[in-house]
Amino acid sequence: MTSTTSPFPRASFLRRLAAIVYDSLMAVAIGVVSGLIALTVLIVLLENGVLDKHGFEHSKDVIQQSPLYTNILRFWCGGWILLFFVWFWRNGGQTIGMRAWRLRIFSTTDKPMGYGRALLRAITSLLGLGTLLILLDFKNKLALQDRLSGTEVLVLTKEANHHRAWKQL
């Protein structure tokens, strides 16, 4: 399966890896900010008696000892990180790291990239490990998430990487 409908070549493993590094930095930043917001809200609720401290003196002890609170924080932060990727892939086909490396996701089917396909792509990427498939399939340069979501990642020219050129692609 090769890209026959596009004048752009498929992205190599190294180029994708570079974009993953950029996007990982963004994901960490999003996780930290969303975690700080959730922790602040949780601490305010605990300190004002809205939530029970279960006999602990400090809010941090309650949060650290409670599987419920720690899991809520994990899912909250993970959800925002997932939303980052899904939103950017659905709205423009590029994350910030992909834009820096002139990569863009295109559909290999007649269906446009919707939120469902973007979510499927995010889940099947296995935190970036799905990209390792390119090393085994260097001819087609399709990652696991590409195959399962019906997409491909192409390298754009400098001119095509500008937002104003997207309507023509």
N, C-alpha and C. Protein backbone atom coordinates (compact mmCIF):
# COMPACT_ATOMS: atom_id res chain seq x y z
N MET A 1 0.84 -1.17 0.00
CA MET A 1 0.00 0.00 0.00
C MET A 1 0.89 1.24 0.00
N THR A 2 0.92 1.96 -1.06
CA THR A 2 1.70 3.19 -1.15
C THR A 2 0.77 4.35 -1.42
N SER A 3 1.24 5.51 -1.12
CA SER A 3 0.44 6.71 -1.31
C SER A 3 0.41 7.07 -2.79
N THR A 4 -0.75 6.91 -3.42
CA THR A 4 -0.88 7.22 -4.84
C THR A 4 -1.69 8.48 -5.07
N THR A 5 -2.39 8.94 -4.05
CA THR A 5 -3.27 10.09 -4.22
C THR A 5 -2.62 11.39 -3.82
N SER A 6 -1.39 11.37 -3.35
CA SER A 6 -0.76 12.58 -2.85
C SER A 6 0.60 12.79 -3.49
N PRO A 7 0.95 14.06 -3.75
CA PRO A 7 2.28 14.35 -4.28
C PRO A 7 3.37 14.34 -3.20
N PHE A 8 2.97 14.13 -1.95
CA PHE A 8 3.92 14.17 -0.84
C PHE A 8 4.36 12.76 -0.45
N PRO A 9 5.62 12.59 -0.05
CA PRO A 9 6.09 11.26 0.38
C PRO A 9 5.63 10.96 1.81
N ARG A 10 5.59 9.67 2.12
CA ARG A 10 5.27 9.27 3.50
C ARG A 10 6.46 9.57 4.41
N ALA A 11 6.15 9.84 5.66
CA ALA A 11 7.16 10.24 6.64
C ALA A 11 8.00 9.05 7.08
N SER A 12 9.27 9.29 7.26
CA SER A 12 10.18 8.26 7.74
C SER A 12 10.07 8.10 9.25
N PHE A 13 10.66 7.05 9.77
CA PHE A 13 10.65 6.80 11.20
C PHE A 13 11.33 7.92 11.97
N LEU A 14 12.49 8.36 11.50
CA LEU A 14 13.24 9.39 12.23
C LEU A 14 12.50 10.73 12.28
N ARG A 15 11.86 11.08 11.20
CA ARG A 15 11.10 12.33 11.17
C ARG A 15 9.91 12.25 12.13
N ARG A 16 9.24 11.11 12.12
CA ARG A 16 8.13 10.91 13.06
C ARG A 16 8.63 10.94 14.50
N LEU A 17 9.78 10.31 14.74
CA LEU A 17 10.35 10.27 16.08
C LEU A 17 10.66 11.68 16.58
N ALA A 18 11.17 12.51 15.71
CA ALA A 18 11.46 13.90 16.09
C ALA A 18 10.17 14.63 16.47
N ALA A 19 9.10 14.41 15.71
CA ALA A 19 7.82 15.04 16.03
C ALA A 19 7.28 14.50 17.35
N ILE A 20 7.49 13.21 17.61
CA ILE A 20 7.04 12.60 18.86
C ILE A 20 7.75 13.25 20.05
N VAL A 21 9.04 13.55 19.90
CA VAL A 21 9.79 14.20 20.97
C VAL A 21 9.20 15.58 21.25
N TYR A 22 8.94 16.36 20.21
CA TYR A 22 8.33 17.68 20.39
C TYR A 22 6.97 17.55 21.09
N ASP A 23 6.14 16.64 20.58
CA ASP A 23 4.80 16.48 21.12
C ASP A 23 4.82 15.92 22.54
N SER A 24 5.83 15.14 22.87
CA SER A 24 5.96 14.64 24.24
C SER A 24 6.19 15.79 25.21
N LEU A 25 6.97 16.76 24.79
CA LEU A 25 7.19 17.94 25.64
C LEU A 25 5.89 18.70 25.85
N MET A 26 5.09 18.81 24.81
CA MET A 26 3.78 19.47 24.93
C MET A 26 2.86 18.66 25.84
N ALA A 27 2.88 17.34 25.69
CA ALA A 27 2.03 16.48 26.50
C ALA A 27 2.39 16.60 27.98
N VAL A 28 3.68 16.66 28.27
CA VAL A 28 4.11 16.83 29.67
C VAL A 28 3.61 18.17 30.21
N ALA A 29 3.74 19.22 29.41
CA ALA A 29 3.28 20.54 29.85
C ALA A 29 1.77 20.55 30.09
N ILE A 30 1.03 19.92 29.20
CA ILE A 30 -0.43 19.85 29.36
C ILE A 30 -0.77 19.04 30.61
N GLY A 31 -0.06 17.95 30.83
CA GLY A 31 -0.28 17.14 32.02
C GLY A 31 0.00 17.90 33.30
N VAL A 32 1.07 18.67 33.32
CA VAL A 32 1.43 19.44 34.51
C VAL A 32 0.39 20.52 34.79
N VAL A 33 0.00 21.26 33.78
CA VAL A 33 -0.97 22.34 33.98
C VAL A 33 -2.33 21.77 34.40
N SER A 34 -2.78 20.73 33.72
CA SER A 34 -4.08 20.15 34.10
C SER A 34 -4.02 19.54 35.50
N GLY A 35 -2.88 18.96 35.85
CA GLY A 35 -2.71 18.41 37.20
C GLY A 35 -2.72 19.49 38.26
N LEU A 36 -2.06 20.61 37.98
CA LEU A 36 -2.07 21.72 38.94
C LEU A 36 -3.47 22.28 39.16
N ILE A 37 -4.23 22.37 38.09
CA ILE A 37 -5.60 22.87 38.20
C ILE A 37 -6.44 21.90 39.04
N ALA A 38 -6.34 20.61 38.73
CA ALA A 38 -7.12 19.61 39.47
C ALA A 38 -6.70 19.54 40.94
N LEU A 39 -5.40 19.60 41.19
CA LEU A 39 -4.92 19.58 42.57
C LEU A 39 -5.40 20.79 43.35
N THR A 40 -5.36 21.94 42.72
CA THR A 40 -5.82 23.16 43.38
C THR A 40 -7.29 23.04 43.76
N VAL A 41 -8.11 22.58 42.84
CA VAL A 41 -9.54 22.42 43.13
C VAL A 41 -9.74 21.40 44.24
N LEU A 42 -9.03 20.29 44.17
CA LEU A 42 -9.16 19.25 45.19
C LEU A 42 -8.73 19.74 46.57
N ILE A 43 -7.63 20.46 46.64
CA ILE A 43 -7.15 20.99 47.92
C ILE A 43 -8.14 22.01 48.49
N VAL A 44 -8.67 22.88 47.64
CA VAL A 44 -9.66 23.86 48.10
C VAL A 44 -10.89 23.14 48.66
N LEU A 45 -11.35 22.10 47.98
CA LEU A 45 -12.52 21.35 48.45
C LEU A 45 -12.23 20.64 49.78
N LEU A 46 -11.03 20.09 49.90
CA LEU A 46 -10.67 19.41 51.15
C LEU A 46 -10.49 20.39 52.30
N GLU A 47 -9.82 21.49 52.06
CA GLU A 47 -9.55 22.46 53.13
C GLU A 47 -10.80 23.20 53.59
N ASN A 48 -11.79 23.31 52.72
CA ASN A 48 -13.03 24.01 53.10
C ASN A 48 -14.10 23.05 53.59
N GLY A 49 -13.76 21.79 53.78
CA GLY A 49 -14.69 20.84 54.35
C GLY A 49 -15.73 20.30 53.40
N VAL A 50 -15.64 20.63 52.11
CA VAL A 50 -16.59 20.09 51.15
C VAL A 50 -16.35 18.58 50.98
N LEU A 51 -15.09 18.18 50.98
CA LEU A 51 -14.71 16.76 50.96
C LEU A 51 -14.09 16.41 52.31
N ASP A 52 -14.35 15.19 52.76
CA ASP A 52 -13.85 14.73 54.06
C ASP A 52 -12.37 14.36 53.96
N LYS A 53 -11.62 14.77 54.99
CA LYS A 53 -10.18 14.46 55.04
C LYS A 53 -9.90 13.08 55.63
N HIS A 54 -10.91 12.39 56.09
CA HIS A 54 -10.78 11.03 56.63
C HIS A 54 -9.73 10.96 57.74
N GLY A 55 -9.69 11.96 58.59
CA GLY A 55 -8.80 11.96 59.75
C GLY A 55 -7.39 12.46 59.48
N PHE A 56 -7.06 12.76 58.25
CA PHE A 56 -5.73 13.29 57.94
C PHE A 56 -5.69 14.79 58.24
N GLU A 57 -4.51 15.26 58.63
CA GLU A 57 -4.35 16.68 58.94
C GLU A 57 -4.15 17.51 57.66
N HIS A 58 -3.36 17.00 56.75
CA HIS A 58 -3.02 17.74 55.53
C HIS A 58 -3.73 17.16 54.31
N SER A 59 -4.09 18.02 53.40
CA SER A 59 -4.76 17.60 52.17
C SER A 59 -3.87 16.70 51.32
N LYS A 60 -2.58 16.98 51.32
CA LYS A 60 -1.68 16.16 50.50
C LYS A 60 -1.67 14.71 50.95
N ASP A 61 -1.82 14.49 52.25
CA ASP A 61 -1.86 13.12 52.76
C ASP A 61 -3.12 12.40 52.31
N VAL A 62 -4.23 13.12 52.32
CA VAL A 62 -5.50 12.54 51.85
C VAL A 62 -5.38 12.13 50.39
N ILE A 63 -4.85 13.03 49.58
CA ILE A 63 -4.74 12.78 48.15
C ILE A 63 -3.78 11.62 47.87
N GLN A 64 -2.65 11.57 48.55
CA GLN A 64 -1.67 10.51 48.33
C GLN A 64 -2.17 9.15 48.80
N GLN A 65 -2.96 9.10 49.84
CA GLN A 65 -3.42 7.82 50.40
C GLN A 65 -4.71 7.32 49.76
N SER A 66 -5.39 8.17 49.02
CA SER A 66 -6.68 7.78 48.44
C SER A 66 -6.51 7.30 47.00
N PRO A 67 -6.80 6.03 46.74
CA PRO A 67 -6.75 5.54 45.35
C PRO A 67 -7.76 6.27 44.46
N LEU A 68 -8.89 6.66 45.04
CA LEU A 68 -9.89 7.38 44.26
C LEU A 68 -9.35 8.71 43.76
N TYR A 69 -8.77 9.51 44.65
CA TYR A 69 -8.25 10.82 44.25
C TYR A 69 -7.07 10.70 43.29
N THR A 70 -6.17 9.77 43.55
CA THR A 70 -5.01 9.62 42.65
C THR A 70 -5.45 9.16 41.27
N ASN A 71 -6.45 8.26 41.20
CA ASN A 71 -6.93 7.81 39.89
C ASN A 71 -7.71 8.90 39.17
N ILE A 72 -8.45 9.70 39.93
CA ILE A 72 -9.15 10.83 39.31
C ILE A 72 -8.13 11.78 38.69
N LEU A 73 -7.06 12.07 39.41
CA LEU A 73 -6.01 12.95 38.87
C LEU A 73 -5.35 12.35 37.63
N ARG A 74 -5.06 11.07 37.65
CA ARG A 74 -4.44 10.41 36.49
C ARG A 74 -5.35 10.49 35.26
N PHE A 75 -6.63 10.14 35.44
CA PHE A 75 -7.55 10.17 34.31
C PHE A 75 -7.79 11.59 33.82
N TRP A 76 -7.85 12.55 34.73
CA TRP A 76 -8.02 13.96 34.36
C TRP A 76 -6.86 14.43 33.47
N CYS A 77 -5.64 14.17 33.93
CA CYS A 77 -4.46 14.60 33.16
C CYS A 77 -4.35 13.83 31.85
N GLY A 78 -4.57 12.53 31.90
CA GLY A 78 -4.52 11.71 30.68
C GLY A 78 -5.58 12.13 29.68
N GLY A 79 -6.75 12.48 30.17
CA GLY A 79 -7.82 12.93 29.28
C GLY A 79 -7.47 14.21 28.55
N TRP A 80 -6.84 15.15 29.24
CA TRP A 80 -6.44 16.40 28.59
C TRP A 80 -5.34 16.16 27.56
N ILE A 81 -4.43 15.25 27.87
CA ILE A 81 -3.37 14.93 26.91
C ILE A 81 -3.97 14.26 25.67
N LEU A 82 -4.89 13.34 25.89
CA LEU A 82 -5.57 12.67 24.78
C LEU A 82 -6.35 13.68 23.95
N LEU A 83 -7.03 14.59 24.62
CA LEU A 83 -7.78 15.64 23.92
C LEU A 83 -6.87 16.50 23.06
N PHE A 84 -5.66 16.79 23.53
CA PHE A 84 -4.70 17.56 22.75
C PHE A 84 -4.45 16.90 21.40
N PHE A 85 -4.12 15.61 21.42
CA PHE A 85 -3.82 14.91 20.17
C PHE A 85 -5.04 14.78 19.27
N VAL A 86 -6.15 14.37 19.85
CA VAL A 86 -7.37 14.17 19.06
C VAL A 86 -7.82 15.47 18.43
N TRP A 87 -7.82 16.56 19.18
CA TRP A 87 -8.28 17.83 18.63
C TRP A 87 -7.38 18.31 17.49
N PHE A 88 -6.07 18.25 17.69
CA PHE A 88 -5.16 18.71 16.65
C PHE A 88 -5.23 17.83 15.41
N TRP A 89 -5.32 16.52 15.59
CA TRP A 89 -5.41 15.63 14.42
C TRP A 89 -6.72 15.84 13.67
N ARG A 90 -7.81 16.08 14.39
CA ARG A 90 -9.10 16.29 13.75
C ARG A 90 -9.17 17.65 13.07
N ASN A 91 -8.58 18.66 13.69
CA ASN A 91 -8.66 20.03 13.19
C ASN A 91 -7.32 20.45 12.58
N GLY A 92 -7.02 19.95 11.43
CA GLY A 92 -5.81 20.36 10.72
C GLY A 92 -4.84 19.24 10.43
N GLY A 93 -4.97 18.11 11.11
CA GLY A 93 -4.12 16.97 10.79
C GLY A 93 -2.69 17.07 11.30
N GLN A 94 -2.40 18.06 12.14
CA GLN A 94 -1.05 18.26 12.64
C GLN A 94 -1.07 18.65 14.10
N THR A 95 -0.16 18.06 14.86
CA THR A 95 0.12 18.57 16.20
C THR A 95 1.23 19.61 16.06
N ILE A 96 1.63 20.19 17.16
CA ILE A 96 2.67 21.21 17.10
C ILE A 96 4.00 20.60 16.64
N GLY A 97 4.32 19.42 17.15
CA GLY A 97 5.55 18.74 16.72
C GLY A 97 5.51 18.34 15.26
N MET A 98 4.34 17.90 14.81
CA MET A 98 4.21 17.52 13.40
C MET A 98 4.36 18.75 12.50
N ARG A 99 3.83 19.86 12.94
CA ARG A 99 3.95 21.09 12.13
C ARG A 99 5.42 21.51 12.03
N ALA A 100 6.15 21.39 13.13
CA ALA A 100 7.57 21.76 13.13
C ALA A 100 8.36 20.89 12.15
N TRP A 101 7.97 19.64 12.01
CA TRP A 101 8.68 18.72 11.12
C TRP A 101 7.96 18.53 9.78
N ARG A 102 6.99 19.41 9.51
CA ARG A 102 6.24 19.43 8.25
C ARG A 102 5.54 18.09 7.97
N LEU A 103 4.96 17.51 8.99
CA LEU A 103 4.20 16.27 8.84
C LEU A 103 2.72 16.58 8.97
N ARG A 104 1.92 15.83 8.25
CA ARG A 104 0.47 16.00 8.35
C ARG A 104 -0.20 14.66 8.10
N ILE A 105 -1.27 14.42 8.82
CA ILE A 105 -2.05 13.20 8.67
C ILE A 105 -3.07 13.40 7.56
N PHE A 106 -3.13 12.44 6.66
CA PHE A 106 -4.13 12.43 5.60
C PHE A 106 -4.89 11.12 5.66
N SER A 107 -6.13 11.15 5.24
CA SER A 107 -6.96 9.95 5.21
C SER A 107 -6.62 9.14 3.96
N THR A 108 -6.56 7.83 4.10
CA THR A 108 -6.35 6.95 2.94
C THR A 108 -7.68 6.44 2.41
N THR A 109 -8.77 6.83 3.07
CA THR A 109 -10.11 6.44 2.63
C THR A 109 -10.85 7.70 2.20
N ASP A 110 -12.07 7.52 1.76
CA ASP A 110 -12.88 8.67 1.35
C ASP A 110 -13.49 9.40 2.55
N LYS A 111 -13.39 8.81 3.73
CA LYS A 111 -13.96 9.42 4.93
C LYS A 111 -13.04 10.52 5.46
N PRO A 112 -13.62 11.65 5.87
CA PRO A 112 -12.78 12.69 6.49
C PRO A 112 -12.35 12.27 7.89
N MET A 113 -11.32 12.89 8.40
CA MET A 113 -10.83 12.59 9.74
C MET A 113 -11.79 13.18 10.75
N GLY A 114 -12.53 12.33 11.43
CA GLY A 114 -13.45 12.76 12.47
C GLY A 114 -12.83 12.51 13.84
N TYR A 115 -13.58 12.89 14.86
CA TYR A 115 -13.08 12.69 16.22
C TYR A 115 -12.93 11.21 16.55
N GLY A 116 -13.81 10.38 16.03
CA GLY A 116 -13.72 8.95 16.28
C GLY A 116 -12.46 8.34 15.71
N ARG A 117 -12.14 8.69 14.48
CA ARG A 117 -10.91 8.18 13.85
C ARG A 117 -9.68 8.72 14.53
N ALA A 118 -9.73 9.98 14.93
CA ALA A 118 -8.59 10.56 15.63
C ALA A 118 -8.38 9.89 16.98
N LEU A 119 -9.48 9.57 17.67
CA LEU A 119 -9.38 8.85 18.94
C LEU A 119 -8.85 7.44 18.72
N LEU A 120 -9.33 6.76 17.69
CA LEU A 120 -8.81 5.43 17.35
C LEU A 120 -7.32 5.50 17.06
N ARG A 121 -6.91 6.50 16.34
CA ARG A 121 -5.49 6.68 16.02
C ARG A 121 -4.68 6.90 17.29
N ALA A 122 -5.19 7.71 18.20
CA ALA A 122 -4.46 7.98 19.45
C ALA A 122 -4.33 6.72 20.30
N ILE A 123 -5.41 5.97 20.41
CA ILE A 123 -5.38 4.75 21.22
C ILE A 123 -4.46 3.70 20.62
N THR A 124 -4.55 3.51 19.30
CA THR A 124 -3.75 2.47 18.66
C THR A 124 -2.29 2.86 18.46
N SER A 125 -1.96 4.12 18.73
CA SER A 125 -0.54 4.50 18.64
C SER A 125 0.25 3.91 19.80
N LEU A 126 -0.45 3.48 20.86
CA LEU A 126 0.19 2.86 22.02
C LEU A 126 1.30 3.73 22.58
N LEU A 127 0.97 5.01 22.80
CA LEU A 127 1.93 6.00 23.33
C LEU A 127 3.16 6.15 22.44
N GLY A 128 2.99 5.99 21.16
CA GLY A 128 4.09 6.14 20.21
C GLY A 128 4.75 4.84 19.79
N LEU A 129 4.47 3.77 20.51
CA LEU A 129 5.11 2.48 20.18
C LEU A 129 4.63 1.92 18.85
N GLY A 130 3.42 2.28 18.43
CA GLY A 130 2.92 1.82 17.13
C GLY A 130 3.76 2.30 15.97
N THR A 131 4.50 3.36 16.19
CA THR A 131 5.37 3.91 15.14
C THR A 131 6.54 2.97 14.84
N LEU A 132 6.89 2.11 15.78
CA LEU A 132 8.00 1.17 15.56
C LEU A 132 7.73 0.21 14.40
N LEU A 133 6.47 0.03 14.03
CA LEU A 133 6.13 -0.84 12.91
C LEU A 133 6.78 -0.36 11.61
N ILE A 134 7.06 0.91 11.52
CA ILE A 134 7.70 1.45 10.32
C ILE A 134 9.07 0.82 10.11
N LEU A 135 9.75 0.49 11.20
CA LEU A 135 11.07 -0.14 11.09
C LEU A 135 10.98 -1.52 10.46
N LEU A 136 9.85 -2.18 10.60
CA LEU A 136 9.66 -3.49 9.99
C LEU A 136 9.06 -3.38 8.59
N ASP A 137 8.31 -2.32 8.36
CA ASP A 137 7.65 -2.11 7.07
C ASP A 137 8.18 -0.83 6.44
N PHE A 138 9.48 -0.78 6.22
CA PHE A 138 10.09 0.45 5.72
C PHE A 138 9.68 0.79 4.29
N LYS A 139 9.16 -0.18 3.54
CA LYS A 139 8.73 0.09 2.17
C LYS A 139 7.47 0.97 2.15
N ASN A 140 6.47 0.59 2.95
CA ASN A 140 5.21 1.34 2.97
C ASN A 140 5.21 2.50 3.95
N LYS A 141 6.07 2.44 4.97
CA LYS A 141 6.18 3.49 6.00
C LYS A 141 4.84 3.79 6.67
N LEU A 142 4.13 2.71 7.04
CA LEU A 142 2.86 2.86 7.75
C LEU A 142 3.02 2.33 9.17
N ALA A 143 2.64 3.14 10.13
CA ALA A 143 2.67 2.73 11.53
C ALA A 143 1.38 1.97 11.85
N LEU A 144 1.35 1.36 13.01
CA LEU A 144 0.17 0.62 13.44
C LEU A 144 -1.07 1.51 13.44
N GLN A 145 -0.93 2.71 13.97
CA GLN A 145 -2.06 3.64 14.02
C GLN A 145 -2.51 4.09 12.63
N ASP A 146 -1.60 4.14 11.68
CA ASP A 146 -1.96 4.48 10.30
C ASP A 146 -2.84 3.38 9.70
N ARG A 147 -2.39 2.15 9.86
CA ARG A 147 -3.11 1.01 9.30
C ARG A 147 -4.51 0.87 9.90
N LEU A 148 -4.61 0.99 11.21
CA LEU A 148 -5.88 0.74 11.88
C LEU A 148 -6.87 1.90 11.75
N SER A 149 -6.37 3.11 11.53
CA SER A 149 -7.28 4.26 11.42
C SER A 149 -7.48 4.72 9.98
N GLY A 150 -6.84 4.06 9.03
CA GLY A 150 -7.02 4.46 7.63
C GLY A 150 -6.41 5.81 7.32
N THR A 151 -5.21 6.05 7.85
CA THR A 151 -4.53 7.32 7.63
C THR A 151 -3.09 7.07 7.21
N GLU A 152 -2.44 8.13 6.80
CA GLU A 152 -1.01 8.10 6.50
C GLU A 152 -0.43 9.45 6.90
N VAL A 153 0.85 9.44 7.25
CA VAL A 153 1.54 10.67 7.63
C VAL A 153 2.48 11.03 6.50
N LEU A 154 2.28 12.21 5.93
CA LEU A 154 3.07 12.65 4.78
C LEU A 154 3.93 13.84 5.15
N VAL A 155 5.04 13.97 4.42
CA VAL A 155 5.95 15.10 4.60
C VAL A 155 5.55 16.19 3.62
N LEU A 156 5.19 17.35 4.15
CA LEU A 156 4.76 18.47 3.32
C LEU A 156 5.95 19.30 2.87
N THR A 157 5.76 20.03 1.79
CA THR A 157 6.75 21.03 1.40
C THR A 157 6.59 22.23 2.34
N LYS A 158 7.55 23.12 2.32
CA LYS A 158 7.46 24.31 3.18
C LYS A 158 6.21 25.13 2.84
N GLU A 159 5.91 25.25 1.57
CA GLU A 159 4.74 26.03 1.14
C GLU A 159 3.45 25.35 1.58
N ALA A 160 3.38 24.04 1.45
CA ALA A 160 2.16 23.31 1.81
C ALA A 160 1.95 23.25 3.32
N ASN A 161 2.97 23.51 4.10
CA ASN A 161 2.87 23.43 5.55
C ASN A 161 2.18 24.65 6.16
N HIS A 162 1.96 25.70 5.38
CA HIS A 162 1.27 26.89 5.88
C HIS A 162 -0.22 26.64 5.93
N HIS A 163 -0.89 27.19 6.95
CA HIS A 163 -2.33 27.00 7.10
C HIS A 163 -3.10 27.46 5.88
N ARG A 164 -2.67 28.50 5.26
CA ARG A 164 -3.42 29.03 4.11
C ARG A 164 -3.43 28.05 2.94
N ALA A 165 -2.48 27.14 2.89
CA ALA A 165 -2.42 26.16 1.80
C ALA A 165 -3.27 24.93 2.08
N TRP A 166 -3.79 24.77 3.29
CA TRP A 166 -4.51 23.54 3.65
C TRP A 166 -5.79 23.35 2.86
N LYS A 167 -6.46 24.41 2.50
CA LYS A 167 -7.71 24.27 1.75
C LYS A 167 -7.45 23.69 0.38
N GLN A 168 -6.27 23.83 -0.14
CA GLN A 168 -5.95 23.32 -1.47
C GLN A 168 -5.52 21.86 -1.42
N LEU A 169 -5.15 21.35 -0.22
CA LEU A 169 -4.66 19.97 -0.12
C LEU A 169 -5.76 18.97 -0.12
